[in-house]
Every structure is written in C-alpha cells, then in structure tokens.
C-alpha cells in the first residue's frame, strides 16, 4: 500500500488541490448568498420570488459542488497523510492544519444548517452572515501557512 501511495502521490495531490479549490470557492460564496437572501429575499419588489431563487442556488451549491468537493478533499488528504515520509507528526504544522480542516468541515456543516434555517424563515441577519464569511478566509490562511512554512 505504501508503494502504491508513493507512486500515486502527485496525481492524488493534484486532485486534492482541485477539490480544495472547489470546496473553498463554495465556502466563500455560500455565506454571500445568505447575506443576499437575508437582506433581499423576503422584501422589496420581488416578494417571495427572490427567496426561492436564493434557496435553489444555495441548495445546489451545497449539494452538487461543496459537499462532493469536501468529501474528495478529505479522501485525498487522508491518502496523502498515509503516504510514507510526507508528514512529520512531531512538528506543529500538521496539527494546526488538521485542527483548521476540522474547523472548516464544521463551518461547512454550519452552512448546511443555516440553509435549512433560511428555508424555514429563521435565518440570521445579513450582518451576521457577513461576519461569518470571514471564517473560511482565516482558516485557509492557517492551513496554507502551516503547509508551506512547516513550522
């Protein structure tokens, strides 16, 4: 298994990077959709129509793009971790990355719960979603710095 993982290291890494990019794009965009949904979805000239449009976009982004990308990120990431000689667990960086990835996964689940809350008319304010929109940026910074600097 170790030899197979070593021989597939670069293709797995490439797939991991593509999956993470797709997941992150969704993590950046979905809270922004929630801001629009919370602020404009139920008011204005469009009435309830914009709310239903936002709900469709939010659900498809989460179900068709973000969740499969998160799952693929996890699978490829775990395969990379199992590749011999890649991770030195005596250093701090793999632990800070792991904690940040777990936090990013929690944020993904929180976004899914917020989609349901918005659909039921009990979502947060646009300002709250704006503030939560910064979470993936902060976590991404920790992950990238951990992997690149290997502190």
C-alpha atoms as a PDB file:
ATOM      1  CA  UNK A   1       0.000   0.000   0.000  1.00  0.00           C
ATOM      2  CA  UNK A   2       2.836   2.388   0.885  1.00  0.00           C
ATOM      3  CA  UNK A   3       4.497   1.862  -2.513  1.00  0.00           C
ATOM      4  CA  UNK A   4       1.194   2.401  -4.321  1.00  0.00           C
ATOM      5  CA  UNK A   5       0.538   5.630  -2.409  1.00  0.00           C
ATOM      6  CA  UNK A   6       4.072   6.839  -3.100  1.00  0.00           C
ATOM      7  CA  UNK A   7       3.687   6.159  -6.829  1.00  0.00           C
ATOM      8  CA  UNK A   8       0.319   7.963  -6.916  1.00  0.00           C
ATOM      9  CA  UNK A   9       1.412  10.852  -4.712  1.00  0.00           C
ATOM     10  CA  UNK A  10       1.429  13.580  -7.384  1.00  0.00           C
ATOM     11  CA  UNK A  11      -1.920  12.650  -9.020  1.00  0.00           C
ATOM     12  CA  UNK A  12      -3.555  12.415  -5.581  1.00  0.00           C
ATOM     13  CA  UNK A  13      -2.039  15.754  -4.597  1.00  0.00           C
ATOM     14  CA  UNK A  14      -3.286  17.383  -7.822  1.00  0.00           C
ATOM     15  CA  UNK A  15      -6.794  16.002  -7.254  1.00  0.00           C
ATOM     16  CA  UNK A  16      -6.627  17.201  -3.636  1.00  0.00           C
ATOM     17  CA  UNK A  17      -5.713  20.743  -4.702  1.00  0.00           C
ATOM     18  CA  UNK A  18      -8.554  20.841  -7.257  1.00  0.00           C
ATOM     19  CA  UNK A  19     -11.072  19.533  -4.717  1.00  0.00           C
ATOM     20  CA  UNK A  20      -9.931  22.018  -2.073  1.00  0.00           C
ATOM     21  CA  UNK A  21     -10.194  24.911  -4.551  1.00  0.00           C
ATOM     22  CA  UNK A  22     -13.755  23.891  -5.423  1.00  0.00           C
ATOM     23  CA  UNK A  23     -14.703  23.487  -1.768  1.00  0.00           C
ATOM     24  CA  UNK A  24     -13.163  26.831  -0.824  1.00  0.00           C
ATOM     25  CA  UNK A  25     -14.948  28.627  -3.676  1.00  0.00           C
ATOM     26  CA  UNK A  26     -18.228  27.382  -2.245  1.00  0.00           C
ATOM     27  CA  UNK A  27     -17.245  28.273   1.319  1.00  0.00           C
ATOM     28  CA  UNK A  28     -16.518  31.819   0.164  1.00  0.00           C
ATOM     29  CA  UNK A  29     -19.667  32.178  -1.961  1.00  0.00           C
ATOM     30  CA  UNK A  30     -22.404  30.480   0.075  1.00  0.00           C
ATOM     31  CA  UNK A  31     -22.292  32.930   3.020  1.00  0.00           C
ATOM     32  CA  UNK A  32     -22.506  35.770   0.479  1.00  0.00           C
ATOM     33  CA  UNK A  33     -25.658  34.181  -0.956  1.00  0.00           C
ATOM     34  CA  UNK A  34     -27.005  34.031   2.599  1.00  0.00           C
ATOM     35  CA  UNK A  35     -26.352  37.771   3.003  1.00  0.00           C
ATOM     36  CA  UNK A  36     -28.405  38.486  -0.120  1.00  0.00           C
ATOM     37  CA  UNK A  37     -31.081  36.009   0.930  1.00  0.00           C
ATOM     38  CA  UNK A  38     -31.376  37.518   4.420  1.00  0.00           C
ATOM     39  CA  UNK A  39     -31.368  41.129   3.214  1.00  0.00           C
ATOM     40  CA  UNK A  40     -33.363  40.967  -0.022  1.00  0.00           C
ATOM     41  CA  UNK A  41     -35.018  37.594  -0.164  1.00  0.00           C
ATOM     42  CA  UNK A  42     -38.247  38.413   1.612  1.00  0.00           C
ATOM     43  CA  UNK A  43     -38.602  42.117   0.872  1.00  0.00           C
ATOM     44  CA  UNK A  44     -38.670  44.550  -1.979  1.00  0.00           C
ATOM     45  CA  UNK A  45     -40.426  44.372  -5.307  1.00  0.00           C
ATOM     46  CA  UNK A  46     -39.679  40.706  -5.867  1.00  0.00           C
ATOM     47  CA  UNK A  47     -41.643  39.429  -2.868  1.00  0.00           C
ATOM     48  CA  UNK A  48     -41.005  35.763  -2.139  1.00  0.00           C
ATOM     49  CA  UNK A  49     -39.631  35.012  -5.618  1.00  0.00           C
ATOM     50  CA  UNK A  50     -36.074  36.103  -4.821  1.00  0.00           C
ATOM     51  CA  UNK A  51     -36.135  33.957  -1.655  1.00  0.00           C
ATOM     52  CA  UNK A  52     -36.995  30.882  -3.687  1.00  0.00           C
ATOM     53  CA  UNK A  53     -34.262  31.718  -6.219  1.00  0.00           C
ATOM     54  CA  UNK A  54     -31.686  32.102  -3.460  1.00  0.00           C
ATOM     55  CA  UNK A  55     -32.850  28.842  -1.871  1.00  0.00           C
ATOM     56  CA  UNK A  56     -32.353  26.955  -5.149  1.00  0.00           C
ATOM     57  CA  UNK A  57     -28.864  28.413  -5.682  1.00  0.00           C
ATOM     58  CA  UNK A  58     -27.851  27.719  -2.068  1.00  0.00           C
ATOM     59  CA  UNK A  59     -29.090  24.134  -2.121  1.00  0.00           C
ATOM     60  CA  UNK A  60     -27.454  23.279  -5.454  1.00  0.00           C
ATOM     61  CA  UNK A  61     -24.146  24.892  -4.498  1.00  0.00           C
ATOM     62  CA  UNK A  62     -24.065  22.957  -1.240  1.00  0.00           C
ATOM     63  CA  UNK A  63     -25.302  19.598  -2.549  1.00  0.00           C
ATOM     64  CA  UNK A  64     -23.743  19.453  -6.018  1.00  0.00           C
ATOM     65  CA  UNK A  65     -20.436  21.272  -5.574  1.00  0.00           C
ATOM     66  CA  UNK A  66     -19.389  21.889  -1.994  1.00  0.00           C
ATOM     67  CA  UNK A  67     -20.214  18.569  -0.318  1.00  0.00           C
ATOM     68  CA  UNK A  68     -18.670  16.361  -3.038  1.00  0.00           C
ATOM     69  CA  UNK A  69     -15.595  18.648  -3.068  1.00  0.00           C
ATOM     70  CA  UNK A  70     -15.282  18.410   0.722  1.00  0.00           C
ATOM     71  CA  UNK A  71     -15.543  14.610   0.633  1.00  0.00           C
ATOM     72  CA  UNK A  72     -12.944  14.363  -2.136  1.00  0.00           C
ATOM     73  CA  UNK A  73     -10.676  16.796  -0.244  1.00  0.00           C
ATOM     74  CA  UNK A  74     -10.874  14.585   2.824  1.00  0.00           C
ATOM     75  CA  UNK A  75     -10.267  11.341   0.904  1.00  0.00           C
ATOM     76  CA  UNK A  76      -7.268  12.707  -0.990  1.00  0.00           C
ATOM     77  CA  UNK A  77      -5.937  14.456   2.110  1.00  0.00           C
ATOM     78  CA  UNK A  78      -6.071  11.248   4.143  1.00  0.00           C
ATOM     79  CA  UNK A  79      -4.353   9.340   1.331  1.00  0.00           C
ATOM     80  CA  UNK A  80      -1.607  11.981   1.281  1.00  0.00           C
ATOM     81  CA  UNK A  81      -1.200  11.741   5.059  1.00  0.00           C
ATOM     82  CA  UNK A  82      -0.850   7.956   4.775  1.00  0.00           C
ATOM     83  CA  UNK A  83       1.943   8.319   2.200  1.00  0.00           C
ATOM     84  CA  UNK A  84       5.212   7.495   3.994  1.00  0.00           C
ATOM     85  CA  UNK A  85       7.574  10.392   4.646  1.00  0.00           C
ATOM     86  CA  UNK A  86       5.072  13.159   3.910  1.00  0.00           C
ATOM     87  CA  UNK A  87       4.006  14.225   7.397  1.00  0.00           C
ATOM     88  CA  UNK A  88       6.202  14.582  10.483  1.00  0.00           C
ATOM     89  CA  UNK A  89       3.692  14.466  13.330  1.00  0.00           C
ATOM     90  CA  UNK A  90       6.311  15.674  15.822  1.00  0.00           C
ATOM     91  CA  UNK A  91       6.052  19.153  14.267  1.00  0.00           C
ATOM     92  CA  UNK A  92       3.290  21.685  14.926  1.00  0.00           C
ATOM     93  CA  UNK A  93       2.159  22.296  11.321  1.00  0.00           C
ATOM     94  CA  UNK A  94       0.253  19.023  10.722  1.00  0.00           C
ATOM     95  CA  UNK A  95      -1.692  19.559  13.933  1.00  0.00           C
ATOM     96  CA  UNK A  96      -2.554  23.182  13.124  1.00  0.00           C
ATOM     97  CA  UNK A  97      -3.622  22.127   9.631  1.00  0.00           C
ATOM     98  CA  UNK A  98      -5.681  19.225  10.963  1.00  0.00           C
ATOM     99  CA  UNK A  99      -7.427  21.465  13.505  1.00  0.00           C
ATOM    100  CA  UNK A 100      -8.168  24.040  10.798  1.00  0.00           C
ATOM    101  CA  UNK A 101      -9.526  21.404   8.399  1.00  0.00           C
ATOM    102  CA  UNK A 102     -11.789  20.093  11.157  1.00  0.00           C
ATOM    103  CA  UNK A 103     -12.956  23.664  11.808  1.00  0.00           C
ATOM    104  CA  UNK A 104     -13.533  24.156   8.063  1.00  0.00           C
ATOM    105  CA  UNK A 105     -15.621  20.968   7.996  1.00  0.00           C
ATOM    106  CA  UNK A 106     -17.623  22.205  10.994  1.00  0.00           C
ATOM    107  CA  UNK A 107     -18.187  25.510   9.155  1.00  0.00           C
ATOM    108  CA  UNK A 108     -19.446  23.556   6.129  1.00  0.00           C
ATOM    109  CA  UNK A 109     -21.964  21.767   8.368  1.00  0.00           C
ATOM    110  CA  UNK A 110     -22.952  25.075   9.975  1.00  0.00           C
ATOM    111  CA  UNK A 111     -23.618  26.497   6.497  1.00  0.00           C
ATOM    112  CA  UNK A 112     -25.826  23.482   5.721  1.00  0.00           C
ATOM    113  CA  UNK A 113     -27.801  24.099   8.925  1.00  0.00           C
ATOM    114  CA  UNK A 114     -28.137  27.785   8.013  1.00  0.00           C
ATOM    115  CA  UNK A 115     -29.510  26.838   4.600  1.00  0.00           C
ATOM    116  CA  UNK A 116     -32.273  24.904   6.330  1.00  0.00           C
ATOM    117  CA  UNK A 117     -32.853  27.786   8.781  1.00  0.00           C
ATOM    118  CA  UNK A 118     -33.184  30.294   5.926  1.00  0.00           C
ATOM    119  CA  UNK A 119     -35.576  27.981   4.103  1.00  0.00           C
ATOM    120  CA  UNK A 120     -37.733  27.914   7.239  1.00  0.00           C
ATOM    121  CA  UNK A 121     -37.573  31.707   7.613  1.00  0.00           C
ATOM    122  CA  UNK A 122     -35.442  31.703  10.754  1.00  0.00           C
ATOM    123  CA  UNK A 123     -32.006  32.596   9.386  1.00  0.00           C
ATOM    124  CA  UNK A 124     -29.581  35.116  10.841  1.00  0.00           C
ATOM    125  CA  UNK A 125     -29.160  38.737   9.795  1.00  0.00           C
ATOM    126  CA  UNK A 126     -27.196  39.773   6.730  1.00  0.00           C
ATOM    127  CA  UNK A 127     -24.605  41.324   9.053  1.00  0.00           C
ATOM    128  CA  UNK A 128     -24.120  38.007  10.868  1.00  0.00           C
ATOM    129  CA  UNK A 129     -23.572  36.185   7.591  1.00  0.00           C
ATOM    130  CA  UNK A 130     -21.107  38.895   6.505  1.00  0.00           C
ATOM    131  CA  UNK A 131     -19.076  38.316   9.657  1.00  0.00           C
ATOM    132  CA  UNK A 132     -19.196  34.523   9.250  1.00  0.00           C
ATOM    133  CA  UNK A 133     -17.992  34.983   5.672  1.00  0.00           C
ATOM    134  CA  UNK A 134     -14.537  35.725   7.132  1.00  0.00           C
ATOM    135  CA  UNK A 135     -14.211  32.328   8.842  1.00  0.00           C
ATOM    136  CA  UNK A 136     -13.054  30.344   5.781  1.00  0.00           C
ATOM    137  CA  UNK A 137     -10.512  33.049   4.916  1.00  0.00           C
ATOM    138  CA  UNK A 138      -8.918  32.852   8.358  1.00  0.00           C
ATOM    139  CA  UNK A 139      -8.884  29.057   8.338  1.00  0.00           C
ATOM    140  CA  UNK A 140      -7.439  28.990   4.825  1.00  0.00           C
ATOM    141  CA  UNK A 141      -4.618  31.296   5.947  1.00  0.00           C
ATOM    142  CA  UNK A 142      -3.739  28.953   8.822  1.00  0.00           C
ATOM    143  CA  UNK A 143      -3.843  25.908   6.523  1.00  0.00           C
ATOM    144  CA  UNK A 144      -1.698  27.450   3.785  1.00  0.00           C
ATOM    145  CA  UNK A 145       0.845  28.887   6.228  1.00  0.00           C
ATOM    146  CA  UNK A 146       1.033  25.558   8.056  1.00  0.00           C
ATOM    147  CA  UNK A 147       1.674  23.546   4.891  1.00  0.00           C
ATOM    148  CA  UNK A 148       4.054  25.993   3.204  1.00  0.00           C
ATOM    149  CA  UNK A 149       6.105  27.130   6.210  1.00  0.00           C
ATOM    150  CA  UNK A 150       6.002  23.762   8.019  1.00  0.00           C
ATOM    151  CA  UNK A 151       6.577  25.323  11.438  1.00  0.00           C
END
